[in-house]
Amino acid sequence: MIKSIAHASFLVEDVPRSLKFYCDVLQLPLNPNRPDFPFDGAWLDIGDDQMIHLMQLPNPDSTEGRPAHGGRDRHLALVVEDLEALATRLDAANIEYSRSKSGRAAFFCRDPDGNALEFAEDFTPPPLQK
């Protein structure tokens, strides 16, 4: 049985640029325990036992033609303590985002490399339909 997600990985062009987004804007802490791989990258902590891994490698996927709304693209969904505080930080950094099309309290943005992220304070799944 699968118990949790250990990490999600994103390909990035420029690790320092990505760290400004993930560490400064999203306020994720940098994990210092990344091994010395033969490519640049970074590990970012989420809570006690989950991470985002950034890998500076050529991206085989085009960012052209992706939908403007990240909810219609592959994305990573993250639970945040204060959605509006994050929106304020994104506004201050001039990072575009779009509110959830479902009407729930959530929004989507893209990192500097076009990877889509979803943010919400609660990800309670809807009840099963019979």
C-alpha atoms as a PDB file:
ATOM      1  CA  MET A   1       0.000   0.000   0.000  1.00  0.00           C
ATOM      2  CA  ILE A   2       1.310   3.454  -0.893  1.00  0.00           C
ATOM      3  CA  LYS A   3       1.480   5.684   2.209  1.00  0.00           C
ATOM      4  CA  SER A   4       2.566   9.114   0.955  1.00  0.00           C
ATOM      5  CA  ILE A   5       4.473  11.071  -1.655  1.00  0.00           C
ATOM      6  CA  ALA A   6       8.158  11.459  -0.785  1.00  0.00           C
ATOM      7  CA  HIS A   7       8.916  14.101  -3.402  1.00  0.00           C
ATOM      8  CA  ALA A   8       7.935  15.599  -6.722  1.00  0.00           C
ATOM      9  CA  SER A   9      10.600  16.632  -9.221  1.00  0.00           C
ATOM     10  CA  PHE A  10      10.657  19.587 -11.577  1.00  0.00           C
ATOM     11  CA  LEU A  11      13.103  20.246 -14.396  1.00  0.00           C
ATOM     12  CA  VAL A  12      14.484  23.780 -14.315  1.00  0.00           C
ATOM     13  CA  GLU A  13      16.801  25.858 -16.509  1.00  0.00           C
ATOM     14  CA  ASP A  14      18.370  27.975 -13.775  1.00  0.00           C
ATOM     15  CA  VAL A  15      18.529  26.752 -10.180  1.00  0.00           C
ATOM     16  CA  PRO A  16      19.266  30.177  -8.574  1.00  0.00           C
ATOM     17  CA  ARG A  17      16.285  31.706 -10.438  1.00  0.00           C
ATOM     18  CA  SER A  18      14.064  28.824  -9.318  1.00  0.00           C
ATOM     19  CA  LEU A  19      15.249  29.151  -5.712  1.00  0.00           C
ATOM     20  CA  LYS A  20      14.159  32.802  -5.680  1.00  0.00           C
ATOM     21  CA  PHE A  21      10.659  31.605  -6.536  1.00  0.00           C
ATOM     22  CA  TYR A  22      10.488  28.531  -4.305  1.00  0.00           C
ATOM     23  CA  CYS A  23      12.438  29.838  -1.291  1.00  0.00           C
ATOM     24  CA  ASP A  24      11.711  33.585  -1.373  1.00  0.00           C
ATOM     25  CA  VAL A  25       8.137  33.688  -2.690  1.00  0.00           C
ATOM     26  CA  LEU A  26       6.761  30.300  -1.600  1.00  0.00           C
ATOM     27  CA  GLN A  27       8.967  30.287   1.515  1.00  0.00           C
ATOM     28  CA  LEU A  28      10.008  26.643   1.202  1.00  0.00           C
ATOM     29  CA  PRO A  29      13.197  25.835   3.137  1.00  0.00           C
ATOM     30  CA  LEU A  30      16.242  24.556   1.240  1.00  0.00           C
ATOM     31  CA  ASN A  31      17.272  21.071   2.357  1.00  0.00           C
ATOM     32  CA  PRO A  32      21.091  20.947   2.703  1.00  0.00           C
ATOM     33  CA  ASN A  33      21.329  17.141   2.378  1.00  0.00           C
ATOM     34  CA  ARG A  34      21.194  16.843  -1.418  1.00  0.00           C
ATOM     35  CA  PRO A  35      23.917  14.458  -2.621  1.00  0.00           C
ATOM     36  CA  ASP A  36      26.525  15.637  -5.109  1.00  0.00           C
ATOM     37  CA  PHE A  37      24.794  14.553  -8.307  1.00  0.00           C
ATOM     38  CA  PRO A  38      26.430  15.155 -11.711  1.00  0.00           C
ATOM     39  CA  PHE A  39      23.874  17.937 -12.413  1.00  0.00           C
ATOM     40  CA  ASP A  40      22.878  21.056 -10.500  1.00  0.00           C
ATOM     41  CA  GLY A  41      19.723  21.050  -8.450  1.00  0.00           C
ATOM     42  CA  ALA A  42      18.163  21.629  -5.056  1.00  0.00           C
ATOM     43  CA  TRP A  43      15.919  19.888  -2.564  1.00  0.00           C
ATOM     44  CA  LEU A  44      13.159  21.862  -0.872  1.00  0.00           C
ATOM     45  CA  ASP A  45      11.358  20.688   2.242  1.00  0.00           C
ATOM     46  CA  ILE A  46       7.589  20.515   2.557  1.00  0.00           C
ATOM     47  CA  GLY A  47       6.536  19.699   6.091  1.00  0.00           C
ATOM     48  CA  ASP A  48       8.417  16.968   7.924  1.00  0.00           C
ATOM     49  CA  ASP A  49       8.826  14.311   5.258  1.00  0.00           C
ATOM     50  CA  GLN A  50       8.024  15.567   1.770  1.00  0.00           C
ATOM     51  CA  MET A  51      10.075  17.492  -0.763  1.00  0.00           C
ATOM     52  CA  ILE A  52      10.257  19.157  -4.129  1.00  0.00           C
ATOM     53  CA  HIS A  53      13.397  18.266  -6.074  1.00  0.00           C
ATOM     54  CA  LEU A  54      14.625  20.779  -8.628  1.00  0.00           C
ATOM     55  CA  MET A  55      16.863  19.318 -11.336  1.00  0.00           C
ATOM     56  CA  GLN A  56      18.750  21.506 -13.793  1.00  0.00           C
ATOM     57  CA  LEU A  57      18.476  19.283 -16.827  1.00  0.00           C
ATOM     58  CA  PRO A  58      17.247  19.782 -20.398  1.00  0.00           C
ATOM     59  CA  ASN A  59      13.456  19.759 -20.423  1.00  0.00           C
ATOM     60  CA  PRO A  60      12.014  17.475 -23.126  1.00  0.00           C
ATOM     61  CA  ASP A  61       8.557  19.078 -22.765  1.00  0.00           C
ATOM     62  CA  SER A  62       7.691  22.269 -24.582  1.00  0.00           C
ATOM     63  CA  THR A  63       6.180  25.061 -22.516  1.00  0.00           C
ATOM     64  CA  GLU A  64       4.469  26.330 -25.667  1.00  0.00           C
ATOM     65  CA  GLY A  65       0.764  25.638 -25.955  1.00  0.00           C
ATOM     66  CA  ARG A  66       0.179  24.896 -22.295  1.00  0.00           C
ATOM     67  CA  PRO A  67      -3.158  26.147 -20.964  1.00  0.00           C
ATOM     68  CA  ALA A  68      -3.084  29.505 -19.194  1.00  0.00           C
ATOM     69  CA  HIS A  69      -4.919  27.959 -16.230  1.00  0.00           C
ATOM     70  CA  GLY A  70      -2.615  25.445 -14.516  1.00  0.00           C
ATOM     71  CA  GLY A  71      -5.571  23.353 -13.357  1.00  0.00           C
ATOM     72  CA  ARG A  72      -5.882  22.099 -16.920  1.00  0.00           C
ATOM     73  CA  ASP A  73      -2.255  20.989 -17.034  1.00  0.00           C
ATOM     74  CA  ARG A  74      -0.244  18.468 -15.038  1.00  0.00           C
ATOM     75  CA  HIS A  75       0.440  20.104 -11.695  1.00  0.00           C
ATOM     76  CA  LEU A  76       1.451  19.631  -8.084  1.00  0.00           C
ATOM     77  CA  ALA A  77      -1.180  20.552  -5.487  1.00  0.00           C
ATOM     78  CA  LEU A  78       0.073  21.985  -2.194  1.00  0.00           C
ATOM     79  CA  VAL A  79      -1.778  22.695   1.040  1.00  0.00           C
ATOM     80  CA  VAL A  80      -0.953  26.132   2.490  1.00  0.00           C
ATOM     81  CA  GLU A  81      -1.726  27.726   5.844  1.00  0.00           C
ATOM     82  CA  ASP A  82      -2.898  31.076   4.455  1.00  0.00           C
ATOM     83  CA  LEU A  83      -3.959  31.245   0.823  1.00  0.00           C
ATOM     84  CA  GLU A  84      -4.431  35.017   0.742  1.00  0.00           C
ATOM     85  CA  ALA A  85      -1.010  35.647   2.315  1.00  0.00           C
ATOM     86  CA  LEU A  86       0.528  33.593  -0.482  1.00  0.00           C
ATOM     87  CA  ALA A  87      -1.511  35.532  -3.052  1.00  0.00           C
ATOM     88  CA  THR A  88      -0.095  38.757  -1.588  1.00  0.00           C
ATOM     89  CA  ARG A  89       3.478  37.430  -1.970  1.00  0.00           C
ATOM     90  CA  LEU A  90       2.782  36.348  -5.561  1.00  0.00           C
ATOM     91  CA  ASP A  91       1.342  39.792  -6.326  1.00  0.00           C
ATOM     92  CA  ALA A  92       4.416  41.481  -4.823  1.00  0.00           C
ATOM     93  CA  ALA A  93       6.672  39.300  -6.998  1.00  0.00           C
ATOM     94  CA  ASN A  94       4.549  40.010 -10.117  1.00  0.00           C
ATOM     95  CA  ILE A  95       3.717  36.330 -10.551  1.00  0.00           C
ATOM     96  CA  GLU A  96       0.450  35.686 -12.351  1.00  0.00           C
ATOM     97  CA  TYR A  97      -2.035  33.217 -10.924  1.00  0.00           C
ATOM     98  CA  SER A  98      -5.617  32.197 -11.596  1.00  0.00           C
ATOM     99  CA  ARG A  99      -8.342  31.263  -9.146  1.00  0.00           C
ATOM    100  CA  SER A 100      -9.846  27.798  -9.255  1.00  0.00           C
ATOM    101  CA  LYS A 101     -12.522  27.429 -11.923  1.00  0.00           C
ATOM    102  CA  SER A 102     -14.547  25.216  -9.550  1.00  0.00           C
ATOM    103  CA  GLY A 103     -15.232  28.113  -7.191  1.00  0.00           C
ATOM    104  CA  ARG A 104     -13.341  26.606  -4.269  1.00  0.00           C
ATOM    105  CA  ALA A 105     -10.672  28.577  -2.419  1.00  0.00           C
ATOM    106  CA  ALA A 106      -7.644  27.630  -4.498  1.00  0.00           C
ATOM    107  CA  PHE A 107      -5.432  29.089  -7.170  1.00  0.00           C
ATOM    108  CA  PHE A 108      -2.795  28.057  -9.683  1.00  0.00           C
ATOM    109  CA  CYS A 109       0.451  29.609 -10.872  1.00  0.00           C
ATOM    110  CA  ARG A 110       3.526  28.542 -12.785  1.00  0.00           C
ATOM    111  CA  ASP A 111       7.120  28.563 -11.649  1.00  0.00           C
ATOM    112  CA  PRO A 112       9.770  30.318 -13.793  1.00  0.00           C
ATOM    113  CA  ASP A 113      10.027  27.188 -15.973  1.00  0.00           C
ATOM    114  CA  GLY A 114       6.300  26.803 -16.601  1.00  0.00           C
ATOM    115  CA  ASN A 115       5.657  24.015 -14.069  1.00  0.00           C
ATOM    116  CA  ALA A 116       2.115  24.358 -12.713  1.00  0.00           C
ATOM    117  CA  LEU A 117       1.375  24.531  -8.984  1.00  0.00           C
ATOM    118  CA  GLU A 118      -1.968  24.516  -7.194  1.00  0.00           C
ATOM    119  CA  PHE A 119      -2.454  26.027  -3.731  1.00  0.00           C
ATOM    120  CA  ALA A 120      -5.367  25.602  -1.319  1.00  0.00           C
ATOM    121  CA  GLU A 121      -5.903  25.668   2.418  1.00  0.00           C
ATOM    122  CA  ASP A 122      -7.894  22.431   2.379  1.00  0.00           C
ATOM    123  CA  PHE A 123      -7.886  19.512  -0.026  1.00  0.00           C
ATOM    124  CA  THR A 124     -10.758  17.543   1.454  1.00  0.00           C
ATOM    125  CA  PRO A 125     -11.890  15.237  -1.338  1.00  0.00           C
ATOM    126  CA  PRO A 126     -15.520  15.478  -2.404  1.00  0.00           C
ATOM    127  CA  PRO A 127     -17.843  12.727  -1.136  1.00  0.00           C
ATOM    128  CA  LEU A 128     -18.172   9.621  -3.251  1.00  0.00           C
ATOM    129  CA  GLN A 129     -21.182   9.609  -5.521  1.00  0.00           C
ATOM    130  CA  LYS A 130     -23.404   6.536  -5.428  1.00  0.00           C
END
